[in-house]
Amino acid sequence: LHTKRKSKEEQQQQVLSTKDQLITSCNNDVHMVLDRTLWILKKVID
């Protein structure tokens, strides 16, 4: 549990400092949100 919480806190406190980091982070976030949206809706219907 501590490992999981620590990983989550590090992600929350990450500040993007370069344009490339910003672009990469945004692309990853969008893909993750779209994938997770379908997964959550499928689990709800199931």
All heavy atoms as atom14 arrays in JSON, in Angstrom:
{
  "sequence": "LHTKRKSKEEQQQQVLSTKDQLITSCNNDVHMVLDRTLWILKKVID",
  "atom14_mask": [
    [1, 1, 1, 1, 1, 1, 1, 1, 0, 0, 0, 0, 0, 0],
    [1, 1, 1, 1, 1, 1, 1, 1, 1, 1, 0, 0, 0, 0],
    [1, 1, 1, 1, 1, 1, 1, 0, 0, 0, 0, 0, 0, 0],
    [1, 1, 1, 1, 1, 1, 1, 1, 1, 0, 0, 0, 0, 0],
    [1, 1, 1, 1, 1, 1, 1, 1, 1, 1, 1, 0, 0, 0],
    [1, 1, 1, 1, 1, 1, 1, 1, 1, 0, 0, 0, 0, 0],
    [1, 1, 1, 1, 1, 1, 0, 0, 0, 0, 0, 0, 0, 0],
    [1, 1, 1, 1, 1, 1, 1, 1, 1, 0, 0, 0, 0, 0],
    [1, 1, 1, 1, 1, 1, 1, 1, 1, 0, 0, 0, 0, 0],
    [1, 1, 1, 1, 1, 1, 1, 1, 1, 0, 0, 0, 0, 0],
    [1, 1, 1, 1, 1, 1, 1, 1, 1, 0, 0, 0, 0, 0],
    [1, 1, 1, 1, 1, 1, 1, 1, 1, 0, 0, 0, 0, 0],
    [1, 1, 1, 1, 1, 1, 1, 1, 1, 0, 0, 0, 0, 0],
    [1, 1, 1, 1, 1, 1, 1, 1, 1, 0, 0, 0, 0, 0],
    [1, 1, 1, 1, 1, 1, 1, 0, 0, 0, 0, 0, 0, 0],
    [1, 1, 1, 1, 1, 1, 1, 1, 0, 0, 0, 0, 0, 0],
    [1, 1, 1, 1, 1, 1, 0, 0, 0, 0, 0, 0, 0, 0],
    [1, 1, 1, 1, 1, 1, 1, 0, 0, 0, 0, 0, 0, 0],
    [1, 1, 1, 1, 1, 1, 1, 1, 1, 0, 0, 0, 0, 0],
    [1, 1, 1, 1, 1, 1, 1, 1, 0, 0, 0, 0, 0, 0],
    [1, 1, 1, 1, 1, 1, 1, 1, 1, 0, 0, 0, 0, 0],
    [1, 1, 1, 1, 1, 1, 1, 1, 0, 0, 0, 0, 0, 0],
    [1, 1, 1, 1, 1, 1, 1, 1, 0, 0, 0, 0, 0, 0],
    [1, 1, 1, 1, 1, 1, 1, 0, 0, 0, 0, 0, 0, 0],
    [1, 1, 1, 1, 1, 1, 0, 0, 0, 0, 0, 0, 0, 0],
    [1, 1, 1, 1, 1, 1, 0, 0, 0, 0, 0, 0, 0, 0],
    [1, 1, 1, 1, 1, 1, 1, 1, 0, 0, 0, 0, 0, 0],
    [1, 1, 1, 1, 1, 1, 1, 1, 0, 0, 0, 0, 0, 0],
    [1, 1, 1, 1, 1, 1, 1, 1, 0, 0, 0, 0, 0, 0],
    [1, 1, 1, 1, 1, 1, 1, 0, 0, 0, 0, 0, 0, 0],
    [1, 1, 1, 1, 1, 1, 1, 1, 1, 1, 0, 0, 0, 0],
    [1, 1, 1, 1, 1, 1, 1, 1, 0, 0, 0, 0, 0, 0],
    [1, 1, 1, 1, 1, 1, 1, 0, 0, 0, 0, 0, 0, 0],
    [1, 1, 1, 1, 1, 1, 1, 1, 0, 0, 0, 0, 0, 0],
    [1, 1, 1, 1, 1, 1, 1, 1, 0, 0, 0, 0, 0, 0],
    [1, 1, 1, 1, 1, 1, 1, 1, 1, 1, 1, 0, 0, 0],
    [1, 1, 1, 1, 1, 1, 1, 0, 0, 0, 0, 0, 0, 0],
    [1, 1, 1, 1, 1, 1, 1, 1, 0, 0, 0, 0, 0, 0],
    [1, 1, 1, 1, 1, 1, 1, 1, 1, 1, 1, 1, 1, 1],
    [1, 1, 1, 1, 1, 1, 1, 1, 0, 0, 0, 0, 0, 0],
    [1, 1, 1, 1, 1, 1, 1, 1, 0, 0, 0, 0, 0, 0],
    [1, 1, 1, 1, 1, 1, 1, 1, 1, 0, 0, 0, 0, 0],
    [1, 1, 1, 1, 1, 1, 1, 1, 1, 0, 0, 0, 0, 0],
    [1, 1, 1, 1, 1, 1, 1, 0, 0, 0, 0, 0, 0, 0],
    [1, 1, 1, 1, 1, 1, 1, 1, 0, 0, 0, 0, 0, 0],
    [1, 1, 1, 1, 1, 1, 1, 1, 0, 0, 0, 0, 0, 0]
  ],
  "atom14_positions": [
    [[0.83, -1.2, 0.0], [0.0, 0.0, 0.0], [0.86, 1.26, 0.0], [0.56, 2.24, -0.69], [-0.93, 0.0, 1.22], [-1.87, 1.2, 1.38], [-2.78, 1.32, 0.17], [-2.69, 1.08, 2.65], [0.0, 0.0, 0.0], [0.0, 0.0, 0.0], [0.0, 0.0, 0.0], [0.0, 0.0, 0.0], [0.0, 0.0, 0.0], [0.0, 0.0, 0.0]],
    [[1.95, 1.24, 0.78], [2.84, 2.41, 0.82], [3.46, 2.66, -0.54], [3.56, 3.82, -0.99], [3.94, 2.19, 1.86], [4.93, 3.31, 1.9], [6.12, 3.26, 1.22], [4.9, 4.51, 2.52], [6.79, 4.39, 1.41], [6.08, 5.15, 2.2], [0.0, 0.0, 0.0], [0.0, 0.0, 0.0], [0.0, 0.0, 0.0], [0.0, 0.0, 0.0]],
    [[3.89, 1.6, -1.23], [4.48, 1.75, -2.55], [3.49, 2.37, -3.52], [3.83, 3.26, -4.31], [4.95, 0.38, -3.09], [5.88, -0.18, -2.17], [5.59, 0.52, -4.45], [0.0, 0.0, 0.0], [0.0, 0.0, 0.0], [0.0, 0.0, 0.0], [0.0, 0.0, 0.0], [0.0, 0.0, 0.0], [0.0, 0.0, 0.0], [0.0, 0.0, 0.0]],
    [[2.25, 1.93, -3.46], [1.21, 2.45, -4.34], [0.92, 3.91, -4.04], [0.81, 4.74, -4.95], [-0.07, 1.61, -4.18], [-1.19, 2.01, -5.12], [-2.39, 1.1, -4.95], [-3.53, 1.52, -5.88], [-4.71, 0.64, -5.71], [0.0, 0.0, 0.0], [0.0, 0.0, 0.0], [0.0, 0.0, 0.0], [0.0, 0.0, 0.0], [0.0, 0.0, 0.0]],
    [[0.8, 4.25, -2.76], [0.53, 5.63, -2.37], [1.68, 6.55, -2.76], [1.47, 7.67, -3.22], [0.29, 5.73, -0.85], [-1.07, 5.25, -0.4], [-1.14, 5.26, 1.12], [-0.81, 6.58, 1.65], [-1.68, 7.59, 1.75], [-2.92, 7.44, 1.36], [-1.29, 8.75, 2.26], [0.0, 0.0, 0.0], [0.0, 0.0, 0.0], [0.0, 0.0, 0.0]],
    [[2.91, 6.08, -2.57], [4.08, 6.9, -2.9], [4.13, 7.18, -4.39], [4.41, 8.31, -4.81], [5.35, 6.17, -2.46], [6.61, 6.99, -2.62], [6.6, 8.19, -1.7], [7.88, 9.01, -1.82], [7.83, 10.23, -1.01], [0.0, 0.0, 0.0], [0.0, 0.0, 0.0], [0.0, 0.0, 0.0], [0.0, 0.0, 0.0], [0.0, 0.0, 0.0]],
    [[3.85, 6.17, -5.21], [3.84, 6.35, -6.66], [2.78, 7.36, -7.08], [3.02, 8.22, -7.93], [3.6, 5.01, -7.34], [3.48, 5.17, -8.73], [0.0, 0.0, 0.0], [0.0, 0.0, 0.0], [0.0, 0.0, 0.0], [0.0, 0.0, 0.0], [0.0, 0.0, 0.0], [0.0, 0.0, 0.0], [0.0, 0.0, 0.0], [0.0, 0.0, 0.0]],
    [[1.63, 7.28, -6.43], [0.54, 8.21, -6.76], [0.91, 9.64, -6.38], [0.66, 10.58, -7.13], [-0.74, 7.77, -6.02], [-1.95, 8.66, -6.32], [-3.16, 8.17, -5.56], [-4.35, 9.1, -5.79], [-5.53, 8.67, -5.01], [0.0, 0.0, 0.0], [0.0, 0.0, 0.0], [0.0, 0.0, 0.0], [0.0, 0.0, 0.0], [0.0, 0.0, 0.0]],
    [[1.5, 9.82, -5.21], [1.89, 11.16, -4.76], [2.96, 11.77, -5.67], [2.93, 12.96, -5.95], [2.39, 11.1, -3.32], [1.28, 10.87, -2.3], [1.82, 10.77, -0.89], [3.06, 10.94, -0.72], [1.03, 10.53, 0.03], [0.0, 0.0, 0.0], [0.0, 0.0, 0.0], [0.0, 0.0, 0.0], [0.0, 0.0, 0.0], [0.0, 0.0, 0.0]],
    [[3.9, 10.94, -6.12], [4.94, 11.44, -7.01], [4.35, 11.91, -8.33], [4.77, 12.92, -8.9], [5.98, 10.35, -7.26], [6.86, 10.08, -6.05], [7.79, 8.91, -6.27], [7.64, 8.23, -7.32], [8.66, 8.65, -5.42], [0.0, 0.0, 0.0], [0.0, 0.0, 0.0], [0.0, 0.0, 0.0], [0.0, 0.0, 0.0], [0.0, 0.0, 0.0]],
    [[3.34, 11.19, -8.83], [2.68, 11.61, -10.06], [1.92, 12.91, -9.86], [1.92, 13.8, -10.71], [1.72, 10.51, -10.54], [2.42, 9.26, -11.03], [1.43, 8.17, -11.4], [0.21, 8.36, -11.33], [1.95, 7.02, -11.8], [0.0, 0.0, 0.0], [0.0, 0.0, 0.0], [0.0, 0.0, 0.0], [0.0, 0.0, 0.0], [0.0, 0.0, 0.0]],
    [[1.26, 13.05, -8.7], [0.49, 14.25, -8.43], [1.37, 15.48, -8.3], [0.99, 16.58, -8.67], [-0.34, 14.07, -7.16], [-1.47, 13.08, -7.29], [-2.15, 12.81, -5.96], [-1.66, 13.16, -4.91], [-3.32, 12.2, -6.03], [0.0, 0.0, 0.0], [0.0, 0.0, 0.0], [0.0, 0.0, 0.0], [0.0, 0.0, 0.0], [0.0, 0.0, 0.0]],
    [[2.58, 15.31, -7.75], [3.44, 16.44, -7.46], [4.41, 16.75, -8.59], [5.23, 17.65, -8.49], [4.23, 16.17, -6.17], [3.33, 16.07, -4.96], [4.09, 15.73, -3.7], [5.31, 15.71, -3.68], [3.37, 15.45, -2.64], [0.0, 0.0, 0.0], [0.0, 0.0, 0.0], [0.0, 0.0, 0.0], [0.0, 0.0, 0.0], [0.0, 0.0, 0.0]],
    [[4.31, 16.02, -9.69], [5.21, 16.26, -10.81], [4.83, 17.55, -11.52], [3.68, 17.77, -11.89], [5.14, 15.08, -11.8], [6.04, 15.26, -13.01], [5.86, 14.12, -13.99], [4.92, 13.35, -13.88], [6.75, 14.03, -14.96], [0.0, 0.0, 0.0], [0.0, 0.0, 0.0], [0.0, 0.0, 0.0], [0.0, 0.0, 0.0], [0.0, 0.0, 0.0]],
    [[5.78, 18.43, -11.69], [5.58, 19.67, -12.42], [6.34, 19.58, -13.73], [7.55, 19.34, -13.75], [6.06, 20.89, -11.6], [5.92, 22.16, -12.42], [5.26, 21.0, -10.32], [0.0, 0.0, 0.0], [0.0, 0.0, 0.0], [0.0, 0.0, 0.0], [0.0, 0.0, 0.0], [0.0, 0.0, 0.0], [0.0, 0.0, 0.0], [0.0, 0.0, 0.0]],
    [[5.62, 19.74, -14.86], [6.24, 19.64, -16.17], [7.06, 20.9, -16.43], [6.56, 22.01, -16.25], [5.15, 19.47, -17.23], [4.17, 18.31, -16.97], [3.05, 18.34, -17.97], [4.9, 16.97, -17.01], [0.0, 0.0, 0.0], [0.0, 0.0, 0.0], [0.0, 0.0, 0.0], [0.0, 0.0, 0.0], [0.0, 0.0, 0.0], [0.0, 0.0, 0.0]],
    [[8.29, 20.73, -16.86], [9.18, 21.89, -16.98], [9.64, 22.17, -18.41], [10.25, 23.2, -18.66], [10.42, 21.68, -16.1], [11.07, 20.48, -16.44], [0.0, 0.0, 0.0], [0.0, 0.0, 0.0], [0.0, 0.0, 0.0], [0.0, 0.0, 0.0], [0.0, 0.0, 0.0], [0.0, 0.0, 0.0], [0.0, 0.0, 0.0], [0.0, 0.0, 0.0]],
    [[9.35, 21.28, -19.36], [9.74, 21.52, -20.74], [8.56, 21.28, -21.67], [7.6, 20.59, -21.3], [10.9, 20.61, -21.17], [10.45, 19.24, -21.2], [12.08, 20.72, -20.2], [0.0, 0.0, 0.0], [0.0, 0.0, 0.0], [0.0, 0.0, 0.0], [0.0, 0.0, 0.0], [0.0, 0.0, 0.0], [0.0, 0.0, 0.0], [0.0, 0.0, 0.0]],
    [[8.67, 21.83, -22.88], [7.59, 21.67, -23.85], [7.41, 20.19, -24.22], [6.28, 19.7, -24.34], [7.91, 22.49, -25.1], [6.8, 22.49, -26.14], [7.3, 22.82, -27.51], [8.1, 21.67, -28.08], [8.45, 21.81, -29.49], [0.0, 0.0, 0.0], [0.0, 0.0, 0.0], [0.0, 0.0, 0.0], [0.0, 0.0, 0.0], [0.0, 0.0, 0.0]],
    [[8.53, 19.48, -24.42], [8.44, 18.07, -24.79], [7.75, 17.25, -23.69], [6.95, 16.35, -23.98], [9.83, 17.5, -25.07], [10.44, 18.09, -26.33], [9.67, 18.57, -27.18], [11.68, 18.07, -26.46], [0.0, 0.0, 0.0], [0.0, 0.0, 0.0], [0.0, 0.0, 0.0], [0.0, 0.0, 0.0], [0.0, 0.0, 0.0], [0.0, 0.0, 0.0]],
    [[8.08, 17.55, -22.43], [7.41, 16.87, -21.32], [5.92, 17.16, -21.33], [5.1, 16.26, -21.09], [8.01, 17.32, -19.99], [9.38, 16.76, -19.69], [9.92, 17.22, -18.36], [9.42, 18.18, -17.77], [10.94, 16.55, -17.87], [0.0, 0.0, 0.0], [0.0, 0.0, 0.0], [0.0, 0.0, 0.0], [0.0, 0.0, 0.0], [0.0, 0.0, 0.0]],
    [[5.57, 18.39, -21.61], [4.15, 18.78, -21.66], [3.42, 18.01, -22.74], [2.33, 17.46, -22.52], [4.04, 20.29, -21.9], [2.62, 20.85, -22.04], [1.87, 20.72, -20.74], [2.66, 22.3, -22.5], [0.0, 0.0, 0.0], [0.0, 0.0, 0.0], [0.0, 0.0, 0.0], [0.0, 0.0, 0.0], [0.0, 0.0, 0.0], [0.0, 0.0, 0.0]],
    [[4.0, 17.96, -23.94], [3.34, 17.28, -25.06], [3.19, 15.79, -24.76], [2.12, 15.21, -24.96], [4.15, 17.51, -26.35], [4.09, 18.99, -26.74], [3.61, 16.64, -27.48], [5.01, 19.36, -27.88], [0.0, 0.0, 0.0], [0.0, 0.0, 0.0], [0.0, 0.0, 0.0], [0.0, 0.0, 0.0], [0.0, 0.0, 0.0], [0.0, 0.0, 0.0]],
    [[4.27, 15.17, -24.3], [4.22, 13.73, -23.98], [3.19, 13.43, -22.9], [2.42, 12.48, -23.02], [5.61, 13.24, -23.54], [6.56, 13.51, -24.56], [5.58, 11.76, -23.23], [0.0, 0.0, 0.0], [0.0, 0.0, 0.0], [0.0, 0.0, 0.0], [0.0, 0.0, 0.0], [0.0, 0.0, 0.0], [0.0, 0.0, 0.0], [0.0, 0.0, 0.0]],
    [[3.2, 14.24, -21.84], [2.26, 14.02, -20.73], [0.82, 14.16, -21.19], [-0.04, 13.34, -20.84], [2.56, 15.01, -19.61], [1.61, 14.89, -18.58], [0.0, 0.0, 0.0], [0.0, 0.0, 0.0], [0.0, 0.0, 0.0], [0.0, 0.0, 0.0], [0.0, 0.0, 0.0], [0.0, 0.0, 0.0], [0.0, 0.0, 0.0], [0.0, 0.0, 0.0]],
    [[0.53, 15.2, -21.99], [-0.84, 15.41, -22.46], [-1.31, 14.28, -23.36], [-2.44, 13.8, -23.24], [-0.94, 16.75, -23.19], [-0.87, 18.18, -22.11], [0.0, 0.0, 0.0], [0.0, 0.0, 0.0], [0.0, 0.0, 0.0], [0.0, 0.0, 0.0], [0.0, 0.0, 0.0], [0.0, 0.0, 0.0], [0.0, 0.0, 0.0], [0.0, 0.0, 0.0]],
    [[-0.45, 13.85, -24.27], [-0.82, 12.74, -25.15], [-1.11, 11.47, -24.36], [-2.12, 10.78, -24.6], [0.3, 12.47, -26.15], [0.44, 13.58, -27.19], [-0.51, 14.33, -27.43], [1.61, 13.71, -27.78], [0.0, 0.0, 0.0], [0.0, 0.0, 0.0], [0.0, 0.0, 0.0], [0.0, 0.0, 0.0], [0.0, 0.0, 0.0], [0.0, 0.0, 0.0]],
    [[-0.26, 11.17, -23.4], [-0.46, 9.98, -22.58], [-1.74, 10.08, -21.76], [-2.49, 9.1, -21.62], [0.73, 9.78, -21.64], [2.0, 9.4, -22.39], [1.94, 8.91, -23.51], [3.14, 9.61, -21.76], [0.0, 0.0, 0.0], [0.0, 0.0, 0.0], [0.0, 0.0, 0.0], [0.0, 0.0, 0.0], [0.0, 0.0, 0.0], [0.0, 0.0, 0.0]],
    [[-2.01, 11.26, -21.21], [-3.21, 11.44, -20.39], [-4.48, 11.26, -21.22], [-5.45, 10.63, -20.77], [-3.2, 12.83, -19.75], [-2.27, 12.92, -18.55], [-1.84, 11.85, -18.08], [-1.98, 14.03, -18.1], [0.0, 0.0, 0.0], [0.0, 0.0, 0.0], [0.0, 0.0, 0.0], [0.0, 0.0, 0.0], [0.0, 0.0, 0.0], [0.0, 0.0, 0.0]],
    [[-4.5, 11.83, -22.42], [-5.69, 11.71, -23.27], [-5.94, 10.25, -23.63], [-7.08, 9.75, -23.54], [-5.54, 12.57, -24.53], [-6.67, 12.26, -25.54], [-5.59, 14.05, -24.17], [0.0, 0.0, 0.0], [0.0, 0.0, 0.0], [0.0, 0.0, 0.0], [0.0, 0.0, 0.0], [0.0, 0.0, 0.0], [0.0, 0.0, 0.0], [0.0, 0.0, 0.0]],
    [[-4.91, 9.55, -24.05], [-5.08, 8.14, -24.4], [-5.56, 7.33, -23.19], [-6.44, 6.47, -23.32], [-3.76, 7.56, -24.91], [-3.29, 8.17, -26.18], [-1.98, 8.21, -26.57], [-3.99, 8.81, -27.17], [-1.87, 8.81, -27.73], [-3.07, 9.2, -28.11], [0.0, 0.0, 0.0], [0.0, 0.0, 0.0], [0.0, 0.0, 0.0], [0.0, 0.0, 0.0]],
    [[-4.98, 7.64, -22.04], [-5.36, 6.91, -20.83], [-6.82, 7.19, -20.46], [-7.57, 6.27, -20.1], [-4.44, 7.31, -19.68], [-4.69, 6.56, -18.38], [-5.72, 7.5, -17.25], [-4.61, 8.86, -16.87], [0.0, 0.0, 0.0], [0.0, 0.0, 0.0], [0.0, 0.0, 0.0], [0.0, 0.0, 0.0], [0.0, 0.0, 0.0], [0.0, 0.0, 0.0]],
    [[-7.25, 8.43, -20.56], [-8.63, 8.77, -20.21], [-9.61, 8.08, -21.15], [-10.63, 7.52, -20.7], [-8.83, 10.31, -20.24], [-10.32, 10.65, -20.17], [-8.1, 10.96, -19.09], [0.0, 0.0, 0.0], [0.0, 0.0, 0.0], [0.0, 0.0, 0.0], [0.0, 0.0, 0.0], [0.0, 0.0, 0.0], [0.0, 0.0, 0.0], [0.0, 0.0, 0.0]],
    [[-9.33, 8.1, -22.44], [-10.24, 7.47, -23.4], [-10.32, 5.96, -23.17], [-11.41, 5.37, -23.19], [-9.78, 7.77, -24.83], [-9.8, 9.25, -25.24], [-9.36, 9.4, -26.69], [-11.19, 9.86, -25.06], [0.0, 0.0, 0.0], [0.0, 0.0, 0.0], [0.0, 0.0, 0.0], [0.0, 0.0, 0.0], [0.0, 0.0, 0.0], [0.0, 0.0, 0.0]],
    [[-9.17, 5.34, -22.94], [-9.16, 3.89, -22.68], [-9.9, 3.55, -21.39], [-10.7, 2.61, -21.35], [-7.72, 3.38, -22.6], [-7.01, 3.4, -23.94], [-7.72, 3.48, -24.97], [-5.77, 3.34, -23.96], [0.0, 0.0, 0.0], [0.0, 0.0, 0.0], [0.0, 0.0, 0.0], [0.0, 0.0, 0.0], [0.0, 0.0, 0.0], [0.0, 0.0, 0.0]],
    [[-9.62, 4.3, -20.33], [-10.25, 4.04, -19.04], [-11.75, 4.31, -19.09], [-12.53, 3.66, -18.39], [-9.61, 4.9, -17.96], [-8.17, 4.57, -17.61], [-8.05, 3.22, -16.89], [-7.95, 2.09, -17.81], [-8.03, 0.82, -17.46], [-8.24, 0.51, -16.2], [-7.92, -0.14, -18.34], [0.0, 0.0, 0.0], [0.0, 0.0, 0.0], [0.0, 0.0, 0.0]],
    [[-12.17, 5.29, -19.9], [-13.61, 5.58, -20.02], [-14.35, 4.37, -20.55], [-15.38, 3.96, -19.99], [-13.82, 6.79, -20.95], [-13.23, 7.95, -20.36], [-15.31, 7.06, -21.16], [0.0, 0.0, 0.0], [0.0, 0.0, 0.0], [0.0, 0.0, 0.0], [0.0, 0.0, 0.0], [0.0, 0.0, 0.0], [0.0, 0.0, 0.0], [0.0, 0.0, 0.0]],
    [[-13.84, 3.77, -21.62], [-14.5, 2.59, -22.2], [-14.47, 1.42, -21.21], [-15.45, 0.67, -21.08], [-13.82, 2.2, -23.51], [-13.99, 3.2, -24.67], [-13.24, 2.7, -25.9], [-15.47, 3.4, -25.01], [0.0, 0.0, 0.0], [0.0, 0.0, 0.0], [0.0, 0.0, 0.0], [0.0, 0.0, 0.0], [0.0, 0.0, 0.0], [0.0, 0.0, 0.0]],
    [[-13.33, 1.26, -20.52], [-13.2, 0.15, -19.57], [-14.2, 0.3, -18.43], [-14.87, -0.67, -18.03], [-11.78, 0.11, -19.03], [-11.49, -1.07, -18.15], [-11.03, -2.29, -18.54], [-11.65, -1.14, -16.73], [-10.89, -3.13, -17.46], [-11.26, -2.45, -16.33], [-12.07, -0.25, -15.76], [-11.29, -2.87, -15.01], [-12.11, -0.66, -14.43], [-11.72, -1.94, -14.06]],
    [[-14.33, 1.5, -17.89], [-15.26, 1.74, -16.77], [-16.69, 1.54, -17.21], [-17.49, 0.88, -16.51], [-15.05, 3.17, -16.22], [-13.7, 3.27, -15.5], [-16.18, 3.55, -15.26], [-13.29, 4.68, -15.16], [0.0, 0.0, 0.0], [0.0, 0.0, 0.0], [0.0, 0.0, 0.0], [0.0, 0.0, 0.0], [0.0, 0.0, 0.0], [0.0, 0.0, 0.0]],
    [[-17.05, 2.06, -18.38], [-18.43, 1.91, -18.86], [-18.76, 0.43, -19.12], [-19.88, -0.02, -18.84], [-18.63, 2.73, -20.14], [-18.57, 4.25, -19.96], [-18.67, 4.95, -21.32], [-19.7, 4.73, -19.05], [0.0, 0.0, 0.0], [0.0, 0.0, 0.0], [0.0, 0.0, 0.0], [0.0, 0.0, 0.0], [0.0, 0.0, 0.0], [0.0, 0.0, 0.0]],
    [[-17.8, -0.31, -19.63], [-18.04, -1.75, -19.86], [-18.26, -2.47, -18.53], [-19.16, -3.32, -18.42], [-16.85, -2.37, -20.6], [-17.09, -3.83, -21.0], [-15.92, -4.37, -21.81], [-16.23, -5.78, -22.33], [-16.64, -6.72, -21.29], [0.0, 0.0, 0.0], [0.0, 0.0, 0.0], [0.0, 0.0, 0.0], [0.0, 0.0, 0.0], [0.0, 0.0, 0.0]],
    [[-17.44, -2.16, -17.53], [-17.61, -2.78, -16.22], [-18.95, -2.41, -15.6], [-19.59, -3.23, -14.92], [-16.47, -2.35, -15.29], [-15.13, -2.99, -15.59], [-15.16, -4.5, -15.31], [-13.83, -5.14, -15.6], [-13.88, -6.61, -15.36], [0.0, 0.0, 0.0], [0.0, 0.0, 0.0], [0.0, 0.0, 0.0], [0.0, 0.0, 0.0], [0.0, 0.0, 0.0]],
    [[-19.39, -1.18, -15.8], [-20.69, -0.74, -15.28], [-21.82, -1.54, -15.92], [-22.73, -2.05, -15.24], [-20.89, 0.77, -15.52], [-22.36, 1.17, -15.32], [-20.0, 1.58, -14.58], [0.0, 0.0, 0.0], [0.0, 0.0, 0.0], [0.0, 0.0, 0.0], [0.0, 0.0, 0.0], [0.0, 0.0, 0.0], [0.0, 0.0, 0.0], [0.0, 0.0, 0.0]],
    [[-21.77, -1.68, -17.24], [-22.82, -2.43, -17.95], [-22.78, -3.9, -17.57], [-23.84, -4.53, -17.34], [-22.65, -2.25, -19.48], [-22.9, -0.78, -19.86], [-23.63, -3.15, -20.23], [-22.6, -0.46, -21.31], [0.0, 0.0, 0.0], [0.0, 0.0, 0.0], [0.0, 0.0, 0.0], [0.0, 0.0, 0.0], [0.0, 0.0, 0.0], [0.0, 0.0, 0.0]],
    [[-21.58, -4.48, -17.46], [-21.46, -5.88, -17.03], [-22.01, -6.06, -15.62], [-22.68, -7.06, -15.33], [-20.0, -6.32, -17.07], [-19.46, -6.44, -18.49], [-20.3, -6.48, -19.43], [-18.23, -6.48, -18.66], [0.0, 0.0, 0.0], [0.0, 0.0, 0.0], [0.0, 0.0, 0.0], [0.0, 0.0, 0.0], [0.0, 0.0, 0.0], [0.0, 0.0, 0.0]]
  ]
}
